[in-house]
PDB file of N, CA and C in Angstrom:
ATOM      1  N   MET A   1      18.915   0.465  -7.676  1.00  0.00           N
ATOM      2  CA  MET A   1      19.827   0.271  -6.573  1.00  0.00           C
ATOM      3  C   MET A   1      19.510   1.263  -5.475  1.00  0.00           C
ATOM      4  N   LEU A   2      19.815   0.835  -4.057  1.00  0.00           N
ATOM      5  CA  LEU A   2      19.238   1.665  -2.954  1.00  0.00           C
ATOM      6  C   LEU A   2      20.624   1.363  -2.115  1.00  0.00           C
ATOM      7  N   SER A   3      20.733   2.545  -1.352  1.00  0.00           N
ATOM      8  CA  SER A   3      21.737   1.958  -0.431  1.00  0.00           C
ATOM      9  C   SER A   3      23.054   1.260  -0.611  1.00  0.00           C
ATOM     10  N   GLY A   4      23.535   1.248  -2.083  1.00  0.00           N
ATOM     11  CA  GLY A   4      24.636   0.265  -2.436  1.00  0.00           C
ATOM     12  C   GLY A   4      24.175  -1.053  -2.616  1.00  0.00           C
ATOM     13  N   VAL A   5      22.929  -1.437  -2.382  1.00  0.00           N
ATOM     14  CA  VAL A   5      22.522  -2.766  -2.237  1.00  0.00           C
ATOM     15  C   VAL A   5      21.298  -3.076  -3.514  1.00  0.00           C
ATOM     16  N   SER A   6      21.476  -4.069  -4.070  1.00  0.00           N
ATOM     17  CA  SER A   6      20.762  -4.248  -5.358  1.00  0.00           C
ATOM     18  C   SER A   6      19.439  -5.284  -4.835  1.00  0.00           C
ATOM     19  N   THR A   7      18.198  -5.170  -5.554  1.00  0.00           N
ATOM     20  CA  THR A   7      17.318  -6.146  -5.145  1.00  0.00           C
ATOM     21  C   THR A   7      17.769  -7.415  -5.472  1.00  0.00           C
ATOM     22  N   GLN A   8      18.788  -7.415  -6.584  1.00  0.00           N
ATOM     23  CA  GLN A   8      19.189  -8.881  -7.125  1.00  0.00           C
ATOM     24  C   GLN A   8      20.082  -9.711  -6.095  1.00  0.00           C
ATOM     25  N   ASP A   9      20.808  -8.857  -5.214  1.00  0.00           N
ATOM     26  CA  ASP A   9      21.397  -9.183  -3.994  1.00  0.00           C
ATOM     27  C   ASP A   9      20.904 -10.171  -2.938  1.00  0.00           C
ATOM     28  N   ILE A  10      19.724  -9.800  -3.051  1.00  0.00           N
ATOM     29  CA  ILE A  10      18.744 -10.338  -1.933  1.00  0.00           C
ATOM     30  C   ILE A  10      18.185 -11.969  -2.480  1.00  0.00           C
ATOM     31  N   THR A  11      18.185 -12.976  -1.519  1.00  0.00           N
ATOM     32  CA  THR A  11      17.875 -14.100  -2.013  1.00  0.00           C
ATOM     33  C   THR A  11      16.879 -14.560  -0.667  1.00  0.00           C
ATOM     34  N   VAL A  12      15.743 -14.761  -1.313  1.00  0.00           N
ATOM     35  CA  VAL A  12      14.622 -15.088  -0.273  1.00  0.00           C
ATOM     36  C   VAL A  12      14.286 -16.826  -0.539  1.00  0.00           C
ATOM     37  N   THR A  13      14.394 -17.656   0.475  1.00  0.00           N
ATOM     38  CA  THR A  13      13.662 -18.897   0.371  1.00  0.00           C
ATOM     39  C   THR A  13      12.902 -19.014   1.475  1.00  0.00           C
ATOM     40  N   GLU A  14      12.332 -20.246   1.715  1.00  0.00           N
ATOM     41  CA  GLU A  14      11.491 -20.885   2.890  1.00  0.00           C
ATOM     42  C   GLU A  14      12.182 -20.713   4.214  1.00  0.00           C
ATOM     43  N   GLN A  15      13.713 -20.852   3.958  1.00  0.00           N
ATOM     44  CA  GLN A  15      14.519 -20.871   5.113  1.00  0.00           C
ATOM     45  C   GLN A  15      14.571 -19.494   5.681  1.00  0.00           C
ATOM     46  N   THR A  16      14.172 -18.470   4.919  1.00  0.00           N
ATOM     47  CA  THR A  16      14.504 -17.296   5.325  1.00  0.00           C
ATOM     48  C   THR A  16      13.404 -17.023   6.296  1.00  0.00           C
ATOM     49  N   PHE A  17      11.931 -17.545   6.596  1.00  0.00           N
ATOM     50  CA  PHE A  17      11.101 -17.119   7.016  1.00  0.00           C
ATOM     51  C   PHE A  17      11.237 -17.576   8.539  1.00  0.00           C
ATOM     52  N   GLY A  18      11.309 -18.900   8.610  1.00  0.00           N
ATOM     53  CA  GLY A  18      11.456 -19.808  10.194  1.00  0.00           C
ATOM     54  C   GLY A  18       9.775 -19.492  10.867  1.00  0.00           C
ATOM     55  N   CYS A  19      10.116 -19.065  12.254  1.00  0.00           N
ATOM     56  CA  CYS A  19       8.764 -18.919  12.659  1.00  0.00           C
ATOM     57  C   CYS A  19       8.399 -17.644  13.075  1.00  0.00           C
ATOM     58  N   ILE A  20       7.333 -16.959  12.220  1.00  0.00           N
ATOM     59  CA  ILE A  20       7.326 -15.532  12.056  1.00  0.00           C
ATOM     60  C   ILE A  20       7.085 -14.894  13.724  1.00  0.00           C
ATOM     61  N   LEU A  21       6.656 -15.955  14.536  1.00  0.00           N
ATOM     62  CA  LEU A  21       6.464 -15.167  15.907  1.00  0.00           C
ATOM     63  C   LEU A  21       7.521 -14.978  17.189  1.00  0.00           C
ATOM     64  N   ASP A  22       8.845 -15.487  16.018  1.00  0.00           N
ATOM     65  CA  ASP A  22       9.940 -15.451  16.650  1.00  0.00           C
ATOM     66  C   ASP A  22      10.568 -14.037  16.404  1.00  0.00           C
ATOM     67  N   TRP A  23       9.831 -13.200  15.445  1.00  0.00           N
ATOM     68  CA  TRP A  23      10.474 -11.907  14.901  1.00  0.00           C
ATOM     69  C   TRP A  23      10.207 -10.942  15.753  1.00  0.00           C
ATOM     70  N   PRO A  24      10.831  -9.984  15.995  1.00  0.00           N
ATOM     71  CA  PRO A  24      10.659  -8.869  16.667  1.00  0.00           C
ATOM     72  C   PRO A  24       9.113  -8.151  15.962  1.00  0.00           C
ATOM     73  N   LYS A  25       8.289  -7.369  16.655  1.00  0.00           N
ATOM     74  CA  LYS A  25       7.264  -6.575  16.525  1.00  0.00           C
ATOM     75  C   LYS A  25       7.238  -5.615  16.941  1.00  0.00           C
ATOM     76  N   ALA A  26       6.352  -4.693  16.021  1.00  0.00           N
ATOM     77  CA  ALA A  26       5.956  -3.206  16.172  1.00  0.00           C
ATOM     78  C   ALA A  26       4.661  -2.951  15.523  1.00  0.00           C
ATOM     79  N   ARG A  27       3.783  -2.097  16.659  1.00  0.00           N
ATOM     80  CA  ARG A  27       2.458  -2.071  16.081  1.00  0.00           C
ATOM     81  C   ARG A  27       1.812  -3.129  15.237  1.00  0.00           C
ATOM     82  N   ASN A  28       1.779  -4.308  15.856  1.00  0.00           N
ATOM     83  CA  ASN A  28       0.933  -5.391  15.076  1.00  0.00           C
ATOM     84  C   ASN A  28       1.480  -5.729  13.683  1.00  0.00           C
ATOM     85  N   THR A  29       3.126  -5.427  13.981  1.00  0.00           N
ATOM     86  CA  THR A  29       3.587  -5.879  12.084  1.00  0.00           C
ATOM     87  C   THR A  29       4.992  -6.688  12.645  1.00  0.00           C
ATOM     88  N   TYR A  30       5.115  -7.675  12.210  1.00  0.00           N
ATOM     89  CA  TYR A  30       6.235  -8.516  12.385  1.00  0.00           C
ATOM     90  C   TYR A  30       7.389  -8.257  11.418  1.00  0.00           C
ATOM     91  N   PHE A  31       8.763  -8.051  12.011  1.00  0.00           N
ATOM     92  CA  PHE A  31       9.665  -7.555  11.179  1.00  0.00           C
ATOM     93  C   PHE A  31      11.019  -8.558  11.004  1.00  0.00           C
ATOM     94  N   LYS A  32      11.463  -8.884  10.059  1.00  0.00           N
ATOM     95  CA  LYS A  32      12.908  -9.679   9.655  1.00  0.00           C
ATOM     96  C   LYS A  32      13.810  -9.002   8.977  1.00  0.00           C
ATOM     97  N   HIS A  33      15.069  -9.096   9.246  1.00  0.00           N
ATOM     98  CA  HIS A  33      16.201  -8.284   8.524  1.00  0.00           C
ATOM     99  C   HIS A  33      17.269  -9.106   9.081  1.00  0.00           C
ATOM    100  N   ASP A  34      18.384  -9.502   8.345  1.00  0.00           N
ATOM    101  CA  ASP A  34      19.279 -10.286   8.696  1.00  0.00           C
ATOM    102  C   ASP A  34      20.593  -9.355   9.523  1.00  0.00           C
ATOM    103  N   ASP A  35      20.366  -8.027   9.162  1.00  0.00           N
ATOM    104  CA  ASP A  35      21.271  -7.050   9.626  1.00  0.00           C
ATOM    105  C   ASP A  35      20.501  -6.345  11.065  1.00  0.00           C
ATOM    106  N   PRO A  36      20.819  -6.478  12.213  1.00  0.00           N
ATOM    107  CA  PRO A  36      20.480  -5.979  13.305  1.00  0.00           C
ATOM    108  C   PRO A  36      20.081  -4.225  13.152  1.00  0.00           C
ATOM    109  N   LYS A  37      21.038  -3.316  12.423  1.00  0.00           N
ATOM    110  CA  LYS A  37      20.766  -1.897  12.609  1.00  0.00           C
ATOM    111  C   LYS A  37      19.744  -1.696  11.484  1.00  0.00           C
ATOM    112  N   LYS A  38      19.452  -2.510  10.415  1.00  0.00           N
ATOM    113  CA  LYS A  38      18.642  -2.298   9.347  1.00  0.00           C
ATOM    114  C   LYS A  38      17.140  -2.614   9.841  1.00  0.00           C
ATOM    115  N   LEU A  39      17.546  -3.730  10.645  1.00  0.00           N
ATOM    116  CA  LEU A  39      16.057  -4.444  11.443  1.00  0.00           C
ATOM    117  C   LEU A  39      15.692  -3.055  12.435  1.00  0.00           C
ATOM    118  N   LYS A  40      16.551  -2.832  13.089  1.00  0.00           N
ATOM    119  CA  LYS A  40      16.015  -1.465  14.021  1.00  0.00           C
ATOM    120  C   LYS A  40      15.295  -0.272  13.234  1.00  0.00           C
ATOM    121  N   GLU A  41      16.017   0.026  12.014  1.00  0.00           N
ATOM    122  CA  GLU A  41      15.724   1.191  11.173  1.00  0.00           C
ATOM    123  C   GLU A  41      14.332   0.603  10.777  1.00  0.00           C
ATOM    124  N   ALA A  42      13.903  -0.091   9.849  1.00  0.00           N
ATOM    125  CA  ALA A  42      12.786  -0.707   9.752  1.00  0.00           C
ATOM    126  C   ALA A  42      11.853  -0.618  10.676  1.00  0.00           C
ATOM    127  N   MET A  43      11.854  -1.123  12.028  1.00  0.00           N
ATOM    128  CA  MET A  43      10.807  -1.110  12.887  1.00  0.00           C
ATOM    129  C   MET A  43      10.822   0.369  13.286  1.00  0.00           C
ATOM    130  N   ARG A  44      11.873   1.473  13.519  1.00  0.00           N
ATOM    131  CA  ARG A  44      11.554   2.792  13.827  1.00  0.00           C
ATOM    132  C   ARG A  44      10.832   3.859  12.604  1.00  0.00           C
ATOM    133  N   ILE A  45      10.825   2.939  11.212  1.00  0.00           N
ATOM    134  CA  ILE A  45      10.349   3.722  10.302  1.00  0.00           C
ATOM    135  C   ILE A  45       8.542   3.677  10.422  1.00  0.00           C
ATOM    136  N   LEU A  46       8.407   2.254  10.804  1.00  0.00           N
ATOM    137  CA  LEU A  46       6.974   1.991  11.033  1.00  0.00           C
ATOM    138  C   LEU A  46       6.170   2.602  12.267  1.00  0.00           C
ATOM    139  N   ARG A  47       7.253   2.386  13.654  1.00  0.00           N
ATOM    140  CA  ARG A  47       6.485   2.774  14.710  1.00  0.00           C
ATOM    141  C   ARG A  47       6.512   4.220  14.588  1.00  0.00           C
ATOM    142  N   ASP A  48       7.355   5.056  14.092  1.00  0.00           N
ATOM    143  CA  ASP A  48       7.275   6.627  14.078  1.00  0.00           C
ATOM    144  C   ASP A  48       6.608   7.111  13.051  1.00  0.00           C
ATOM    145  N   SER A  49       6.042   6.236  12.297  1.00  0.00           N
ATOM    146  CA  SER A  49       5.192   6.665  10.951  1.00  0.00           C
ATOM    147  C   SER A  49       6.109   7.641   9.980  1.00  0.00           C
ATOM    148  N   VAL A  50       7.430   7.016   9.881  1.00  0.00           N
ATOM    149  CA  VAL A  50       8.365   8.032   8.817  1.00  0.00           C
ATOM    150  C   VAL A  50       7.437   8.312   7.790  1.00  0.00           C
ATOM    151  N   PRO A  51       7.525   9.633   7.342  1.00  0.00           N
ATOM    152  CA  PRO A  51       6.969   9.693   5.719  1.00  0.00           C
ATOM    153  C   PRO A  51       7.954   9.533   4.826  1.00  0.00           C
ATOM    154  N   ASP A  52       7.639   9.239   3.456  1.00  0.00           N
ATOM    155  CA  ASP A  52       8.364   9.185   2.475  1.00  0.00           C
ATOM    156  C   ASP A  52       9.483   8.424   2.666  1.00  0.00           C
ATOM    157  N   LYS A  53       9.888   7.264   3.527  1.00  0.00           N
ATOM    158  CA  LYS A  53      11.228   6.909   4.248  1.00  0.00           C
ATOM    159  C   LYS A  53      10.846   5.369   3.538  1.00  0.00           C
ATOM    160  N   GLU A  54      11.951   4.755   2.453  1.00  0.00           N
ATOM    161  CA  GLU A  54      11.929   3.589   2.307  1.00  0.00           C
ATOM    162  C   GLU A  54      12.380   2.654   3.226  1.00  0.00           C
ATOM    163  N   TYR A  55      11.970   1.477   3.431  1.00  0.00           N
ATOM    164  CA  TYR A  55      12.505   0.154   4.326  1.00  0.00           C
ATOM    165  C   TYR A  55      13.724  -0.237   3.506  1.00  0.00           C
ATOM    166  N   PRO A  56      14.760  -0.487   4.509  1.00  0.00           N
ATOM    167  CA  PRO A  56      15.774  -1.194   3.951  1.00  0.00           C
ATOM    168  C   PRO A  56      15.926  -2.050   2.973  1.00  0.00           C
ATOM    169  N   VAL A  57      16.473  -2.457   2.043  1.00  0.00           N
ATOM    170  CA  VAL A  57      16.612  -3.728   1.171  1.00  0.00           C
ATOM    171  C   VAL A  57      16.793  -4.719   1.842  1.00  0.00           C
ATOM    172  N   GLY A  58      16.102  -5.672   1.932  1.00  0.00           N
ATOM    173  CA  GLY A  58      15.817  -6.948   2.502  1.00  0.00           C
ATOM    174  C   GLY A  58      15.051  -7.106   3.775  1.00  0.00           C
ATOM    175  N   THR A  59      14.289  -6.022   3.893  1.00  0.00           N
ATOM    176  CA  THR A  59      13.347  -5.907   5.057  1.00  0.00           C
ATOM    177  C   THR A  59      12.370  -6.962   4.714  1.00  0.00           C
ATOM    178  N   ILE A  60      11.750  -7.853   5.654  1.00  0.00           N
ATOM    179  CA  ILE A  60      10.566  -8.456   5.424  1.00  0.00           C
ATOM    180  C   ILE A  60       9.492  -8.177   6.251  1.00  0.00           C
ATOM    181  N   LEU A  61       8.424  -7.661   6.133  1.00  0.00           N
ATOM    182  CA  LEU A  61       7.165  -7.349   6.884  1.00  0.00           C
ATOM    183  C   LEU A  61       5.939  -8.285   6.656  1.00  0.00           C
ATOM    184  N   GLN A  62       5.378  -8.641   8.025  1.00  0.00           N
ATOM    185  CA  GLN A  62       4.258  -9.223   7.896  1.00  0.00           C
ATOM    186  C   GLN A  62       2.984  -8.581   8.856  1.00  0.00           C
ATOM    187  N   LEU A  63       2.483  -8.428   7.730  1.00  0.00           N
ATOM    188  CA  LEU A  63       1.342  -7.106   7.956  1.00  0.00           C
ATOM    189  C   LEU A  63      -0.124  -7.822   8.568  1.00  0.00           C
ATOM    190  N   ILE A  64      -0.433  -8.809   7.699  1.00  0.00           N
ATOM    191  CA  ILE A  64      -1.284  -9.496   8.468  1.00  0.00           C
ATOM    192  C   ILE A  64      -1.042 -11.188   8.387  1.00  0.00           C
ATOM    193  N   PRO A  65      -1.880 -11.925   9.088  1.00  0.00           N
ATOM    194  CA  PRO A  65      -1.449 -13.330   9.913  1.00  0.00           C
ATOM    195  C   PRO A  65      -1.173 -14.500   8.798  1.00  0.00           C
ATOM    196  N   ILE A  66      -1.492 -13.890   7.610  1.00  0.00           N
ATOM    197  CA  ILE A  66      -1.295 -15.218   6.238  1.00  0.00           C
ATOM    198  C   ILE A  66      -0.467 -14.543   5.356  1.00  0.00           C
ATOM    199  N   ALA A  67       0.017 -13.546   5.354  1.00  0.00           N
ATOM    200  CA  ALA A  67       0.708 -12.812   4.410  1.00  0.00           C
ATOM    201  C   ALA A  67       2.109 -12.129   4.512  1.00  0.00           C
ATOM    202  N   ALA A  68       3.179 -12.173   4.207  1.00  0.00           N
ATOM    203  CA  ALA A  68       4.313 -11.253   4.225  1.00  0.00           C
ATOM    204  C   ALA A  68       4.874 -10.837   2.872  1.00  0.00           C
ATOM    205  N   ILE A  69       5.199  -9.348   2.821  1.00  0.00           N
ATOM    206  CA  ILE A  69       5.882  -8.876   1.832  1.00  0.00           C
ATOM    207  C   ILE A  69       7.130  -8.353   1.867  1.00  0.00           C
TER     208      ILE A  69
END
């Protein structure tokens, strides 16, 4: 359990993704999160190279053109 949200609370389907090119981007990585505050935090973590910081639960990162984690 992280930040009061369990990974069991997150449901990912093909509708979650949409067009990845519409997602915001930082340092060649596309981001998706339904919560705008958590999206901003996830982008800050990558952009500022914050060490030992976990991305908010529910964050989707597209690191290479053919994969998302």
